[in-house]
């Protein structure tokens, strides 16, 4: 897969890519299926752990290094700024579209 989405964390642009292996790991870690996660994000009813796990999965899928301070970067960026990007990431995963655009 090529493309993906970009997300800003701590003033640095990172690429997120929904690969099969990363999404499988996300499901295993969260205990939820992709459709359930997508619905939760679209409705704004997700946990902080799910949000961080989703970012981690996207970074790993894109071959990005996961920052050691990911949680702090997430809080500094703000949940409301990250949620639309992560919702699009999940939609891209469900639709098989890794070229969903940039954040």
PDB file of N, CA and C in Angstrom:
ATOM      1  N   UNK A   1       0.837  -1.180   0.000  1.00  0.00           N
ATOM      2  CA  UNK A   1       0.000   0.000   0.000  1.00  0.00           C
ATOM      3  C   UNK A   1       0.880   1.241   0.000  1.00  0.00           C
ATOM      4  N   UNK A   2       0.471   2.227  -0.738  1.00  0.00           N
ATOM      5  CA  UNK A   2       1.181   3.495  -0.702  1.00  0.00           C
ATOM      6  C   UNK A   2       0.186   4.553  -0.266  1.00  0.00           C
ATOM      7  N   UNK A   3       0.665   5.766  -0.067  1.00  0.00           N
ATOM      8  CA  UNK A   3      -0.232   6.827   0.345  1.00  0.00           C
ATOM      9  C   UNK A   3      -0.345   6.911   1.843  1.00  0.00           C
ATOM     10  N   UNK A   4      -1.553   6.874   2.332  1.00  0.00           N
ATOM     11  CA  UNK A   4      -1.794   7.003   3.756  1.00  0.00           C
ATOM     12  C   UNK A   4      -2.208   8.407   4.107  1.00  0.00           C
ATOM     13  N   UNK A   5      -2.205   8.678   5.377  1.00  0.00           N
ATOM     14  CA  UNK A   5      -2.566   9.988   5.908  1.00  0.00           C
ATOM     15  C   UNK A   5      -1.387  10.548   6.669  1.00  0.00           C
ATOM     16  N   UNK A   6      -1.368  11.854   6.841  1.00  0.00           N
ATOM     17  CA  UNK A   6      -0.348  12.454   7.678  1.00  0.00           C
ATOM     18  C   UNK A   6      -0.999  13.032   8.920  1.00  0.00           C
ATOM     19  N   UNK A   7      -0.241  13.024   9.986  1.00  0.00           N
ATOM     20  CA  UNK A   7      -0.705  13.543  11.268  1.00  0.00           C
ATOM     21  C   UNK A   7       0.428  14.371  11.863  1.00  0.00           C
ATOM     22  N   UNK A   8       0.070  15.460  12.500  1.00  0.00           N
ATOM     23  CA  UNK A   8       1.062  16.316  13.139  1.00  0.00           C
ATOM     24  C   UNK A   8       1.122  16.000  14.635  1.00  0.00           C
ATOM     25  N   UNK A   9       2.336  15.756  15.108  1.00  0.00           N
ATOM     26  CA  UNK A   9       2.570  15.516  16.533  1.00  0.00           C
ATOM     27  C   UNK A   9       3.839  16.255  16.928  1.00  0.00           C
ATOM     28  N   UNK A  10       3.720  17.196  17.823  1.00  0.00           N
ATOM     29  CA  UNK A  10       4.890  17.930  18.283  1.00  0.00           C
ATOM     30  C   UNK A  10       5.583  18.702  17.182  1.00  0.00           C
ATOM     31  N   UNK A  11       4.827  19.198  16.215  1.00  0.00           N
ATOM     32  CA  UNK A  11       5.399  19.961  15.117  1.00  0.00           C
ATOM     33  C   UNK A  11       6.064  19.112  14.046  1.00  0.00           C
ATOM     34  N   UNK A  12       5.956  17.796  14.164  1.00  0.00           N
ATOM     35  CA  UNK A  12       6.542  16.885  13.189  1.00  0.00           C
ATOM     36  C   UNK A  12       5.414  16.159  12.462  1.00  0.00           C
ATOM     37  N   UNK A  13       5.548  16.041  11.153  1.00  0.00           N
ATOM     38  CA  UNK A  13       4.566  15.337  10.342  1.00  0.00           C
ATOM     39  C   UNK A  13       4.929  13.855  10.285  1.00  0.00           C
ATOM     40  N   UNK A  14       3.964  13.012  10.602  1.00  0.00           N
ATOM     41  CA  UNK A  14       4.145  11.563  10.563  1.00  0.00           C
ATOM     42  C   UNK A  14       3.139  10.980   9.579  1.00  0.00           C
ATOM     43  N   UNK A  15       3.523   9.891   8.949  1.00  0.00           N
ATOM     44  CA  UNK A  15       2.626   9.204   8.035  1.00  0.00           C
ATOM     45  C   UNK A  15       1.975   8.029   8.758  1.00  0.00           C
ATOM     46  N   UNK A  16       0.693   7.822   8.504  1.00  0.00           N
ATOM     47  CA  UNK A  16      -0.071   6.688   9.034  1.00  0.00           C
ATOM     48  C   UNK A  16      -0.531   5.849   7.852  1.00  0.00           C
ATOM     49  N   UNK A  17      -0.332   4.551   7.940  1.00  0.00           N
ATOM     50  CA  UNK A  17      -0.735   3.669   6.854  1.00  0.00           C
ATOM     51  C   UNK A  17      -1.442   2.443   7.429  1.00  0.00           C
ATOM     52  N   UNK A  18      -2.654   2.151   6.944  1.00  0.00           N
ATOM     53  CA  UNK A  18      -3.412   1.007   7.470  1.00  0.00           C
ATOM     54  C   UNK A  18      -3.009  -0.313   6.822  1.00  0.00           C
ATOM     55  N   UNK A  19      -1.914  -0.903   7.266  1.00  0.00           N
ATOM     56  CA  UNK A  19      -1.516  -2.210   6.739  1.00  0.00           C
ATOM     57  C   UNK A  19      -2.255  -3.311   7.488  1.00  0.00           C
ATOM     58  N   UNK A  20      -2.339  -4.464   6.861  1.00  0.00           N
ATOM     59  CA  UNK A  20      -3.039  -5.587   7.477  1.00  0.00           C
ATOM     60  C   UNK A  20      -2.437  -5.952   8.827  1.00  0.00           C
ATOM     61  N   UNK A  21      -1.113  -6.096   8.870  1.00  0.00           N
ATOM     62  CA  UNK A  21      -0.454  -6.503  10.118  1.00  0.00           C
ATOM     63  C   UNK A  21      -0.690  -5.485  11.227  1.00  0.00           C
ATOM     64  N   UNK A  22      -0.603  -4.207  10.906  1.00  0.00           N
ATOM     65  CA  UNK A  22      -0.798  -3.168  11.918  1.00  0.00           C
ATOM     66  C   UNK A  22      -2.244  -3.151  12.408  1.00  0.00           C
ATOM     67  N   UNK A  23      -3.192  -3.328  11.499  1.00  0.00           N
ATOM     68  CA  UNK A  23      -4.604  -3.329  11.887  1.00  0.00           C
ATOM     69  C   UNK A  23      -4.962  -4.568  12.702  1.00  0.00           C
ATOM     70  N   UNK A  24      -4.377  -5.689  12.355  1.00  0.00           N
ATOM     71  CA  UNK A  24      -4.593  -6.908  13.132  1.00  0.00           C
ATOM     72  C   UNK A  24      -4.076  -6.730  14.555  1.00  0.00           C
ATOM     73  N   UNK A  25      -2.894  -6.138  14.684  1.00  0.00           N
ATOM     74  CA  UNK A  25      -2.334  -5.874  16.009  1.00  0.00           C
ATOM     75  C   UNK A  25      -3.224  -4.899  16.783  1.00  0.00           C
ATOM     76  N   UNK A  26      -3.780  -3.913  16.094  1.00  0.00           N
ATOM     77  CA  UNK A  26      -4.685  -2.951  16.727  1.00  0.00           C
ATOM     78  C   UNK A  26      -5.923  -3.661  17.272  1.00  0.00           C
ATOM     79  N   UNK A  27      -6.511  -4.543  16.477  1.00  0.00           N
ATOM     80  CA  UNK A  27      -7.682  -5.287  16.933  1.00  0.00           C
ATOM     81  C   UNK A  27      -7.346  -6.156  18.150  1.00  0.00           C
ATOM     82  N   UNK A  28      -6.205  -6.808  18.087  1.00  0.00           N
ATOM     83  CA  UNK A  28      -5.806  -7.659  19.207  1.00  0.00           C
ATOM     84  C   UNK A  28      -5.564  -6.837  20.466  1.00  0.00           C
ATOM     85  N   UNK A  29      -4.916  -5.677  20.319  1.00  0.00           N
ATOM     86  CA  UNK A  29      -4.623  -4.845  21.479  1.00  0.00           C
ATOM     87  C   UNK A  29      -5.885  -4.231  22.077  1.00  0.00           C
ATOM     88  N   UNK A  30      -6.780  -3.770  21.218  1.00  0.00           N
ATOM     89  CA  UNK A  30      -7.979  -3.082  21.713  1.00  0.00           C
ATOM     90  C   UNK A  30      -9.100  -4.056  22.083  1.00  0.00           C
ATOM     91  N   UNK A  31      -9.064  -5.242  21.492  1.00  0.00           N
ATOM     92  CA  UNK A  31     -10.153  -6.189  21.722  1.00  0.00           C
ATOM     93  C   UNK A  31     -11.403  -5.841  20.935  1.00  0.00           C
ATOM     94  N   UNK A  32     -11.282  -4.898  20.005  1.00  0.00           N
ATOM     95  CA  UNK A  32     -12.422  -4.456  19.204  1.00  0.00           C
ATOM     96  C   UNK A  32     -12.120  -4.627  17.728  1.00  0.00           C
ATOM     97  N   UNK A  33     -13.149  -4.867  16.939  1.00  0.00           N
ATOM     98  CA  UNK A  33     -12.999  -4.944  15.494  1.00  0.00           C
ATOM     99  C   UNK A  33     -12.886  -3.551  14.886  1.00  0.00           C
ATOM    100  N   UNK A  34     -12.421  -3.496  13.649  1.00  0.00           N
ATOM    101  CA  UNK A  34     -12.242  -2.209  12.979  1.00  0.00           C
ATOM    102  C   UNK A  34     -13.548  -1.435  12.831  1.00  0.00           C
ATOM    103  N   UNK A  35     -14.616  -2.123  12.493  1.00  0.00           N
ATOM    104  CA  UNK A  35     -15.902  -1.444  12.330  1.00  0.00           C
ATOM    105  C   UNK A  35     -16.353  -0.814  13.642  1.00  0.00           C
ATOM    106  N   UNK A  36     -16.191  -1.534  14.723  1.00  0.00           N
ATOM    107  CA  UNK A  36     -16.545  -0.993  16.043  1.00  0.00           C
ATOM    108  C   UNK A  36     -15.678   0.211  16.385  1.00  0.00           C
ATOM    109  N   UNK A  37     -14.373   0.112  16.136  1.00  0.00           N
ATOM    110  CA  UNK A  37     -13.487   1.250  16.392  1.00  0.00           C
ATOM    111  C   UNK A  37     -13.872   2.452  15.533  1.00  0.00           C
ATOM    112  N   UNK A  38     -14.165   2.203  14.255  1.00  0.00           N
ATOM    113  CA  UNK A  38     -14.552   3.306  13.356  1.00  0.00           C
ATOM    114  C   UNK A  38     -15.821   3.992  13.855  1.00  0.00           C
ATOM    115  N   UNK A  39     -16.785   3.203  14.290  1.00  0.00           N
ATOM    116  CA  UNK A  39     -18.030   3.785  14.816  1.00  0.00           C
ATOM    117  C   UNK A  39     -17.762   4.605  16.078  1.00  0.00           C
ATOM    118  N   UNK A  40     -16.905   4.073  16.945  1.00  0.00           N
ATOM    119  CA  UNK A  40     -16.590   4.783  18.187  1.00  0.00           C
ATOM    120  C   UNK A  40     -15.902   6.116  17.895  1.00  0.00           C
ATOM    121  N   UNK A  41     -14.942   6.109  16.958  1.00  0.00           N
ATOM    122  CA  UNK A  41     -14.239   7.352  16.624  1.00  0.00           C
ATOM    123  C   UNK A  41     -15.179   8.341  15.947  1.00  0.00           C
ATOM    124  N   UNK A  42     -16.005   7.853  15.040  1.00  0.00           N
ATOM    125  CA  UNK A  42     -16.947   8.741  14.361  1.00  0.00           C
ATOM    126  C   UNK A  42     -17.912   9.382  15.345  1.00  0.00           C
ATOM    127  N   UNK A  43     -18.271   8.640  16.396  1.00  0.00           N
ATOM    128  CA  UNK A  43     -19.188   9.160  17.410  1.00  0.00           C
ATOM    129  C   UNK A  43     -18.499   9.869  18.556  1.00  0.00           C
ATOM    130  N   UNK A  44     -17.162   9.918  18.520  1.00  0.00           N
ATOM    131  CA  UNK A  44     -16.410  10.589  19.583  1.00  0.00           C
ATOM    132  C   UNK A  44     -16.428   9.845  20.903  1.00  0.00           C
ATOM    133  N   UNK A  45     -16.666   8.532  20.859  1.00  0.00           N
ATOM    134  CA  UNK A  45     -16.772   7.743  22.090  1.00  0.00           C
ATOM    135  C   UNK A  45     -15.670   6.694  22.168  1.00  0.00           C
ATOM    136  N   UNK A  46     -14.447   7.153  22.135  1.00  0.00           N
ATOM    137  CA  UNK A  46     -13.285   6.277  22.182  1.00  0.00           C
ATOM    138  C   UNK A  46     -12.491   6.571  23.443  1.00  0.00           C
ATOM    139  N   UNK A  47     -11.633   5.636  23.809  1.00  0.00           N
ATOM    140  CA  UNK A  47     -10.774   5.857  24.968  1.00  0.00           C
ATOM    141  C   UNK A  47      -9.436   6.427  24.511  1.00  0.00           C
ATOM    142  N   UNK A  48      -8.726   7.010  25.443  1.00  0.00           N
ATOM    143  CA  UNK A  48      -7.392   7.516  25.148  1.00  0.00           C
ATOM    144  C   UNK A  48      -6.473   6.371  24.738  1.00  0.00           C
ATOM    145  N   UNK A  49      -6.622   5.222  25.371  1.00  0.00           N
ATOM    146  CA  UNK A  49      -5.818   4.053  25.016  1.00  0.00           C
ATOM    147  C   UNK A  49      -6.084   3.626  23.574  1.00  0.00           C
ATOM    148  N   UNK A  50      -7.343   3.680  23.130  1.00  0.00           N
ATOM    149  CA  UNK A  50      -7.677   3.333  21.749  1.00  0.00           C
ATOM    150  C   UNK A  50      -7.071   4.330  20.776  1.00  0.00           C
ATOM    151  N   UNK A  51      -7.110   5.602  21.134  1.00  0.00           N
ATOM    152  CA  UNK A  51      -6.544   6.635  20.274  1.00  0.00           C
ATOM    153  C   UNK A  51      -5.043   6.434  20.099  1.00  0.00           C
ATOM    154  N   UNK A  52      -4.339   6.211  21.182  1.00  0.00           N
ATOM    155  CA  UNK A  52      -2.885   6.005  21.117  1.00  0.00           C
ATOM    156  C   UNK A  52      -2.563   4.717  20.366  1.00  0.00           C
ATOM    157  N   UNK A  53      -3.345   3.659  20.601  1.00  0.00           N
ATOM    158  CA  UNK A  53      -3.124   2.391  19.899  1.00  0.00           C
ATOM    159  C   UNK A  53      -3.336   2.556  18.400  1.00  0.00           C
ATOM    160  N   UNK A  54      -4.303   3.351  18.021  1.00  0.00           N
ATOM    161  CA  UNK A  54      -4.579   3.588  16.612  1.00  0.00           C
ATOM    162  C   UNK A  54      -3.435   4.351  15.949  1.00  0.00           C
ATOM    163  N   UNK A  55      -2.951   5.375  16.617  1.00  0.00           N
ATOM    164  CA  UNK A  55      -1.814   6.130  16.083  1.00  0.00           C
ATOM    165  C   UNK A  55      -0.595   5.211  15.961  1.00  0.00           C
ATOM    166  N   UNK A  56      -0.344   4.447  16.998  1.00  0.00           N
ATOM    167  CA  UNK A  56       0.793   3.512  16.992  1.00  0.00           C
ATOM    168  C   UNK A  56       0.677   2.538  15.806  1.00  0.00           C
ATOM    169  N   UNK A  57      -0.508   1.975  15.585  1.00  0.00           N
ATOM    170  CA  UNK A  57      -0.706   1.041  14.476  1.00  0.00           C
ATOM    171  C   UNK A  57      -0.438   1.708  13.133  1.00  0.00           C
ATOM    172  N   UNK A  58      -0.931   2.933  12.980  1.00  0.00           N
ATOM    173  CA  UNK A  58      -0.714   3.655  11.723  1.00  0.00           C
ATOM    174  C   UNK A  58       0.744   3.982  11.482  1.00  0.00           C
ATOM    175  N   UNK A  59       1.437   4.381  12.540  1.00  0.00           N
ATOM    176  CA  UNK A  59       2.870   4.680  12.417  1.00  0.00           C
ATOM    177  C   UNK A  59       3.652   3.428  12.033  1.00  0.00           C
ATOM    178  N   UNK A  60       3.364   2.334  12.717  1.00  0.00           N
ATOM    179  CA  UNK A  60       4.053   1.071  12.422  1.00  0.00           C
ATOM    180  C   UNK A  60       3.749   0.629  10.994  1.00  0.00           C
ATOM    181  N   UNK A  61       2.504   0.756  10.578  1.00  0.00           N
ATOM    182  CA  UNK A  61       2.123   0.393   9.215  1.00  0.00           C
ATOM    183  C   UNK A  61       2.873   1.197   8.166  1.00  0.00           C
ATOM    184  N   UNK A  62       3.172   2.436   8.484  1.00  0.00           N
ATOM    185  CA  UNK A  62       3.897   3.313   7.554  1.00  0.00           C
ATOM    186  C   UNK A  62       5.407   3.171   7.671  1.00  0.00           C
ATOM    187  N   UNK A  63       5.860   2.362   8.628  1.00  0.00           N
ATOM    188  CA  UNK A  63       7.299   2.211   8.826  1.00  0.00           C
ATOM    189  C   UNK A  63       7.930   3.358   9.583  1.00  0.00           C
ATOM    190  N   UNK A  64       7.093   4.138  10.254  1.00  0.00           N
ATOM    191  CA  UNK A  64       7.584   5.263  11.052  1.00  0.00           C
ATOM    192  C   UNK A  64       8.048   4.765  12.418  1.00  0.00           C
ATOM    193  N   UNK A  65       8.998   5.462  12.988  1.00  0.00           N
ATOM    194  CA  UNK A  65       9.413   5.169  14.365  1.00  0.00           C
ATOM    195  C   UNK A  65       8.361   5.750  15.303  1.00  0.00           C
ATOM    196  N   UNK A  66       7.909   4.943  16.242  1.00  0.00           N
ATOM    197  CA  UNK A  66       6.925   5.409  17.223  1.00  0.00           C
ATOM    198  C   UNK A  66       7.683   6.223  18.276  1.00  0.00           C
ATOM    199  N   UNK A  67       7.325   7.505  18.445  1.00  0.00           N
ATOM    200  CA  UNK A  67       8.019   8.327  19.440  1.00  0.00           C
ATOM    201  C   UNK A  67       7.860   7.747  20.850  1.00  0.00           C
ATOM    202  N   UNK A  68       8.935   7.796  21.622  1.00  0.00           N
ATOM    203  CA  UNK A  68       8.887   7.308  23.000  1.00  0.00           C
ATOM    204  C   UNK A  68       7.874   8.083  23.832  1.00  0.00           C
ATOM    205  N   UNK A  69       7.668   9.336  23.497  1.00  0.00           N
ATOM    206  CA  UNK A  69       6.763  10.204  24.235  1.00  0.00           C
ATOM    207  C   UNK A  69       5.426  10.392  23.508  1.00  0.00           C
ATOM    208  N   UNK A  70       4.943   9.337  22.858  1.00  0.00           N
ATOM    209  CA  UNK A  70       3.723   9.438  22.056  1.00  0.00           C
ATOM    210  C   UNK A  70       2.549   9.985  22.864  1.00  0.00           C
ATOM    211  N   UNK A  71       2.359   9.505  24.069  1.00  0.00           N
ATOM    212  CA  UNK A  71       1.247   9.993  24.892  1.00  0.00           C
ATOM    213  C   UNK A  71       1.321  11.487  25.140  1.00  0.00           C
ATOM    214  N   UNK A  72       2.497  11.982  25.461  1.00  0.00           N
ATOM    215  CA  UNK A  72       2.676  13.420  25.702  1.00  0.00           C
ATOM    216  C   UNK A  72       2.425  14.212  24.425  1.00  0.00           C
ATOM    217  N   UNK A  73       2.865  13.691  23.285  1.00  0.00           N
ATOM    218  CA  UNK A  73       2.634  14.372  22.004  1.00  0.00           C
ATOM    219  C   UNK A  73       1.151  14.436  21.673  1.00  0.00           C
ATOM    220  N   UNK A  74       0.446  13.366  21.968  1.00  0.00           N
ATOM    221  CA  UNK A  74      -1.003  13.324  21.726  1.00  0.00           C
ATOM    222  C   UNK A  74      -1.701  14.389  22.564  1.00  0.00           C
ATOM    223  N   UNK A  75      -1.368  14.459  23.833  1.00  0.00           N
ATOM    224  CA  UNK A  75      -2.008  15.459  24.705  1.00  0.00           C
ATOM    225  C   UNK A  75      -1.663  16.877  24.285  1.00  0.00           C
ATOM    226  N   UNK A  76      -0.420  17.094  23.871  1.00  0.00           N
ATOM    227  CA  UNK A  76      -0.008  18.433  23.445  1.00  0.00           C
ATOM    228  C   UNK A  76      -0.714  18.850  22.153  1.00  0.00           C
ATOM    229  N   UNK A  77      -0.937  17.900  21.257  1.00  0.00           N
ATOM    230  CA  UNK A  77      -1.598  18.214  19.983  1.00  0.00           C
ATOM    231  C   UNK A  77      -3.083  18.467  20.195  1.00  0.00           C
ATOM    232  N   UNK A  78      -3.686  17.741  21.120  1.00  0.00           N
ATOM    233  CA  UNK A  78      -5.109  17.908  21.401  1.00  0.00           C
ATOM    234  C   UNK A  78      -5.941  16.842  20.726  1.00  0.00           C
ATOM    235  N   UNK A  79      -6.802  16.237  21.499  1.00  0.00           N
ATOM    236  CA  UNK A  79      -7.634  15.149  20.981  1.00  0.00           C
ATOM    237  C   UNK A  79      -8.558  15.606  19.856  1.00  0.00           C
ATOM    238  N   UNK A  80      -9.085  16.816  19.952  1.00  0.00           N
ATOM    239  CA  UNK A  80     -10.005  17.287  18.921  1.00  0.00           C
ATOM    240  C   UNK A  80      -9.305  17.487  17.582  1.00  0.00           C
ATOM    241  N   UNK A  81      -8.008  17.774  17.600  1.00  0.00           N
ATOM    242  CA  UNK A  81      -7.261  17.924  16.349  1.00  0.00           C
ATOM    243  C   UNK A  81      -6.938  16.574  15.721  1.00  0.00           C
ATOM    244  N   UNK A  82      -6.788  15.550  16.532  1.00  0.00           N
ATOM    245  CA  UNK A  82      -6.391  14.232  16.044  1.00  0.00           C
ATOM    246  C   UNK A  82      -7.559  13.366  15.604  1.00  0.00           C
ATOM    247  N   UNK A  83      -8.704  13.544  16.223  1.00  0.00           N
ATOM    248  CA  UNK A  83      -9.848  12.670  15.969  1.00  0.00           C
ATOM    249  C   UNK A  83     -10.270  12.617  14.502  1.00  0.00           C
ATOM    250  N   UNK A  84     -10.390  13.745  13.782  1.00  0.00           N
ATOM    251  CA  UNK A  84     -10.809  13.645  12.374  1.00  0.00           C
ATOM    252  C   UNK A  84      -9.830  12.847  11.513  1.00  0.00           C
ATOM    253  N   UNK A  85      -8.544  13.008  11.764  1.00  0.00           N
ATOM    254  CA  UNK A  85      -7.542  12.270  10.994  1.00  0.00           C
ATOM    255  C   UNK A  85      -7.669  10.770  11.267  1.00  0.00           C
ATOM    256  N   UNK A  86      -7.838  10.416  12.524  1.00  0.00           N
ATOM    257  CA  UNK A  86      -7.930   9.002  12.885  1.00  0.00           C
ATOM    258  C   UNK A  86      -9.228   8.377  12.390  1.00  0.00           C
ATOM    259  N   UNK A  87     -10.288   9.158  12.346  1.00  0.00           N
ATOM    260  CA  UNK A  87     -11.549   8.674  11.778  1.00  0.00           C
ATOM    261  C   UNK A  87     -11.363   8.379  10.300  1.00  0.00           C
ATOM    262  N   UNK A  88     -10.687   9.275   9.576  1.00  0.00           N
ATOM    263  CA  UNK A  88     -10.410   9.042   8.153  1.00  0.00           C
ATOM    264  C   UNK A  88      -9.495   7.833   7.961  1.00  0.00           C
ATOM    265  N   UNK A  89      -8.540   7.657   8.871  1.00  0.00           N
ATOM    266  CA  UNK A  89      -7.640   6.509   8.814  1.00  0.00           C
ATOM    267  C   UNK A  89      -8.439   5.203   8.902  1.00  0.00           C
ATOM    268  N   UNK A  90      -9.363   5.146   9.842  1.00  0.00           N
ATOM    269  CA  UNK A  90     -10.197   3.951   9.995  1.00  0.00           C
ATOM    270  C   UNK A  90     -11.109   3.758   8.788  1.00  0.00           C
ATOM    271  N   UNK A  91     -11.666   4.830   8.265  1.00  0.00           N
ATOM    272  CA  UNK A  91     -12.499   4.738   7.064  1.00  0.00           C
ATOM    273  C   UNK A  91     -11.679   4.201   5.898  1.00  0.00           C
ATOM    274  N   UNK A  92     -10.446   4.682   5.754  1.00  0.00           N
ATOM    275  CA  UNK A  92      -9.568   4.203   4.681  1.00  0.00           C
ATOM    276  C   UNK A  92      -9.283   2.714   4.845  1.00  0.00           C
ATOM    277  N   UNK A  93      -9.075   2.283   6.073  1.00  0.00           N
ATOM    278  CA  UNK A  93      -8.821   0.868   6.332  1.00  0.00           C
ATOM    279  C   UNK A  93     -10.039   0.031   5.950  1.00  0.00           C
ATOM    280  N   UNK A  94     -11.227   0.491   6.290  1.00  0.00           N
ATOM    281  CA  UNK A  94     -12.445  -0.255   5.981  1.00  0.00           C
ATOM    282  C   UNK A  94     -12.748  -0.269   4.487  1.00  0.00           C
ATOM    283  N   UNK A  95     -12.361   0.812   3.808  1.00  0.00           N
ATOM    284  CA  UNK A  95     -12.656   0.927   2.371  1.00  0.00           C
ATOM    285  C   UNK A  95     -11.511   0.428   1.484  1.00  0.00           C
ATOM    286  N   UNK A  96     -10.394   0.021   2.096  1.00  0.00           N
ATOM    287  CA  UNK A  96      -9.261  -0.419   1.305  1.00  0.00           C
ATOM    288  C   UNK A  96      -8.583   0.710   0.576  1.00  0.00           C
ATOM    289  N   UNK A  97      -8.694   1.914   1.106  1.00  0.00           N
ATOM    290  CA  UNK A  97      -8.132   3.103   0.474  1.00  0.00           C
ATOM    291  C   UNK A  97      -7.031   3.681   1.330  1.00  0.00           C
ATOM    292  N   UNK A  98      -5.790   3.496   0.923  1.00  0.00           N
ATOM    293  CA  UNK A  98      -4.670   4.045   1.681  1.00  0.00           C
ATOM    294  C   UNK A  98      -4.259   5.414   1.159  1.00  0.00           C
ATOM    295  N   UNK A  99      -4.971   5.947   0.186  1.00  0.00           N
ATOM    296  CA  UNK A  99      -4.619   7.255  -0.362  1.00  0.00           C
ATOM    297  C   UNK A  99      -5.701   8.267  -0.022  1.00  0.00           C
ATOM    298  N   UNK A 100      -6.141   8.249   1.236  1.00  0.00           N
ATOM    299  CA  UNK A 100      -7.285   9.038   1.674  1.00  0.00           C
ATOM    300  C   UNK A 100      -7.010  10.531   1.768  1.00  0.00           C
ATOM    301  N   UNK A 101      -5.816  10.964   1.518  1.00  0.00           N
ATOM    302  CA  UNK A 101      -5.502  12.384   1.597  1.00  0.00           C
ATOM    303  C   UNK A 101      -4.658  12.685   2.793  1.00  0.00           C
ATOM    304  N   UNK A 102      -4.432  13.952   3.012  1.00  0.00           N
ATOM    305  CA  UNK A 102      -3.559  14.384   4.107  1.00  0.00           C
ATOM    306  C   UNK A 102      -4.344  15.179   5.117  1.00  0.00           C
ATOM    307  N   UNK A 103      -3.838  15.169   6.350  1.00  0.00           N
ATOM    308  CA  UNK A 103      -4.474  15.935   7.422  1.00  0.00           C
ATOM    309  C   UNK A 103      -3.954  17.349   7.421  1.00  0.00           C
TER     310      UNK A 103
END
